[in-house]
Amino acid sequence: MSPQPLAIVGLGPAGLNRLSERALSLLLDPGRRLIVRTAHHPAASELIAAREVEACDDLYESAVRFDDVYGAIAERVIASSAETPTVYAVPGSAVVGERAVGEIRRRLADRDLNPEVVPGESFLDLVYLEAGVDPIASP
C-alpha cells in the first residue's frame, strides 16, 4: 500500500519533543517531501537541522495580500502532493486558525481527496491551561 499523497501536521507551540508519535513519523519520513508554512518556529528549526525542508516564507515576502499567500501555499502543497507523498506542517494545530489548511482541504474535497490531518497542540490549549478555564464546562 502506498502512502497517502498528503498529510497535514500541526507542530504545536514548541519543539519536536511535544509532538505525537504519528506526527513525528510523518515529519521524519524520508520518503515524503516536507513543506513547512514557516521556518520561524522551534519545531521547524529542528526539522531543518535534521532533513531537507521547504519553507513557504518566500510566499509571505512576495505577496501583497495574505489571501494571496494562502492560495499560493495551497497551490504549492497540492502540486507537491501530486508528484510525491508530501507533509505540510504548520505551527500550532493544523485545525485552528490555519487558513491555508482550510484552502488545501477545500480544494482537495472538490477532487474527492482527503489528506490525513494530525492536529497538534494549539495555543488555545495553553491559554485555557494558564487561565484555568475549561471552554466547554457549564458555568
Protein backbone atom coordinates (compact mmCIF):
# COMPACT_ATOMS: atom_id res chain seq x y z
CA MET A 1 0.00 0.00 0.00
CA SER A 2 1.47 3.36 -0.99
CA PRO A 3 1.43 6.29 1.44
CA GLN A 4 -1.38 8.82 1.29
CA PRO A 5 -0.31 11.65 -1.04
CA LEU A 6 -0.74 14.39 1.57
CA ALA A 7 -0.58 14.67 5.34
CA ILE A 8 -1.02 17.93 7.24
CA VAL A 9 0.66 18.13 10.64
CA GLY A 10 0.42 20.68 13.45
CA LEU A 11 3.80 21.40 15.02
CA GLY A 12 2.38 22.64 18.32
CA PRO A 13 3.86 25.62 20.19
CA ALA A 14 7.40 24.36 20.77
CA GLY A 15 9.93 21.72 19.71
CA LEU A 16 9.58 18.23 18.32
CA ASN A 17 9.57 16.72 21.82
CA ARG A 18 5.93 17.87 22.24
CA LEU A 19 4.62 16.01 19.17
CA SER A 20 2.83 12.68 18.90
CA GLU A 21 4.49 9.57 17.51
CA ARG A 22 2.29 9.81 14.40
CA ALA A 23 3.28 13.43 13.78
CA LEU A 24 6.98 12.60 14.19
CA SER A 25 6.78 9.57 11.91
CA LEU A 26 5.27 11.69 9.15
CA LEU A 27 7.65 14.62 9.63
CA LEU A 28 10.77 12.47 9.66
CA ASP A 29 9.75 10.08 6.87
CA PRO A 30 12.50 10.36 4.22
CA GLY A 31 10.04 9.12 1.58
CA ARG A 32 7.96 12.29 1.92
CA ARG A 33 8.67 15.85 0.85
CA LEU A 34 8.32 18.19 3.83
CA ILE A 35 6.91 21.68 3.39
CA VAL A 36 6.57 23.98 6.41
CA ARG A 37 4.46 27.14 6.49
CA THR A 38 7.36 28.97 8.10
CA ALA A 39 10.90 28.19 9.17
CA HIS A 40 10.42 30.59 12.07
CA HIS A 41 9.18 28.04 14.60
CA PRO A 42 11.10 25.87 17.11
CA ALA A 43 9.97 22.52 15.66
CA ALA A 44 10.54 23.71 12.09
CA SER A 45 14.08 24.76 13.02
CA GLU A 46 14.75 21.30 14.45
CA LEU A 47 13.39 19.68 11.29
CA ILE A 48 15.57 21.88 9.08
CA ALA A 49 18.60 20.66 11.04
CA ALA A 50 17.52 17.02 10.55
CA ARG A 51 16.34 16.82 6.94
CA GLU A 52 15.52 18.68 3.75
CA VAL A 53 12.65 21.10 4.30
CA GLU A 54 10.95 23.59 2.02
CA ALA A 55 9.57 26.67 3.79
CA CYS A 56 6.84 28.95 2.44
CA ASP A 57 8.38 32.12 3.87
CA ASP A 58 9.19 33.28 0.33
CA LEU A 59 5.46 33.44 -0.41
CA TYR A 60 4.87 35.81 2.52
CA GLU A 61 7.68 38.02 1.28
CA SER A 62 6.43 38.22 -2.31
CA ALA A 63 2.64 38.55 -1.84
CA VAL A 64 0.70 41.76 -1.40
CA ARG A 65 -2.25 40.24 0.50
CA PHE A 66 -2.49 37.35 2.95
CA ASP A 67 -5.23 35.78 0.82
CA ASP A 68 -2.68 35.56 -2.00
CA VAL A 69 -0.21 33.85 0.35
CA TYR A 70 -2.71 31.21 1.45
CA GLY A 71 -3.72 30.48 -2.13
CA ALA A 72 -0.07 30.18 -3.19
CA ILE A 73 0.69 27.87 -0.27
CA ALA A 74 -2.29 25.69 -1.20
CA GLU A 75 -1.09 25.53 -4.80
CA ARG A 76 2.46 24.62 -3.76
CA VAL A 77 1.36 21.89 -1.36
CA ILE A 78 -1.21 20.35 -3.70
CA ALA A 79 1.23 20.39 -6.64
CA SER A 80 3.86 18.71 -4.49
CA SER A 81 1.46 16.01 -3.32
CA ALA A 82 0.55 15.28 -6.95
CA GLU A 83 4.25 14.49 -7.59
CA THR A 84 5.32 12.74 -4.39
CA PRO A 85 3.95 11.95 -0.91
CA THR A 86 4.10 15.26 0.97
CA VAL A 87 3.75 16.53 4.52
CA TYR A 88 2.67 20.13 5.08
CA ALA A 89 3.50 21.29 8.63
CA VAL A 90 2.15 24.38 10.38
CA PRO A 91 2.78 26.00 13.77
CA GLY A 92 0.28 25.09 16.48
CA SER A 93 -2.66 22.97 15.43
CA ALA A 94 -3.45 22.22 11.82
CA VAL A 95 -7.14 22.86 12.53
CA VAL A 96 -7.04 26.14 14.49
CA GLY A 97 -6.57 29.40 12.61
CA GLU A 98 -4.76 27.90 9.62
CA ARG A 99 -6.37 29.44 6.54
CA ALA A 100 -4.02 27.70 4.11
CA VAL A 101 -5.01 24.33 5.58
CA GLY A 102 -8.67 25.17 5.06
CA GLU A 103 -7.94 26.19 1.48
CA ILE A 104 -6.00 22.98 0.81
CA ARG A 105 -8.77 20.84 2.27
CA ARG A 106 -11.44 22.72 0.28
CA ARG A 107 -9.56 22.33 -3.00
CA LEU A 108 -8.89 18.64 -2.40
CA ALA A 109 -12.50 17.98 -1.38
CA ASP A 110 -13.52 19.28 -4.81
CA ARG A 111 -11.48 16.34 -6.17
CA ASP A 112 -12.81 13.83 -3.60
CA LEU A 113 -9.38 13.70 -1.90
CA ASN A 114 -8.92 13.88 1.87
CA PRO A 115 -5.49 14.50 3.38
CA GLU A 116 -4.55 12.92 6.68
CA VAL A 117 -4.64 15.65 9.34
CA VAL A 118 -2.65 15.41 12.59
CA PRO A 119 -3.80 18.45 14.60
CA GLY A 120 -1.05 19.19 17.15
CA GLU A 121 -1.28 21.30 20.28
CA SER A 122 -2.94 24.68 19.81
CA PHE A 123 -2.03 27.92 21.53
CA LEU A 124 -5.60 27.79 22.82
CA ASP A 125 -4.73 24.70 24.89
CA LEU A 126 -2.04 26.73 26.65
CA VAL A 127 -4.35 29.71 27.16
CA TYR A 128 -7.04 27.52 28.73
CA LEU A 129 -4.46 25.86 30.97
CA GLU A 130 -2.95 29.15 32.12
CA ALA A 131 -6.36 30.76 32.67
CA GLY A 132 -7.74 27.68 34.45
CA VAL A 133 -10.67 27.59 32.06
CA ASP A 134 -12.47 24.59 30.60
CA PRO A 135 -14.01 26.02 27.41
CA ILE A 136 -16.90 23.54 27.36
CA ALA A 137 -17.68 23.35 31.08
CA SER A 138 -21.03 24.65 32.28
CA PRO A 139 -20.89 27.81 34.42
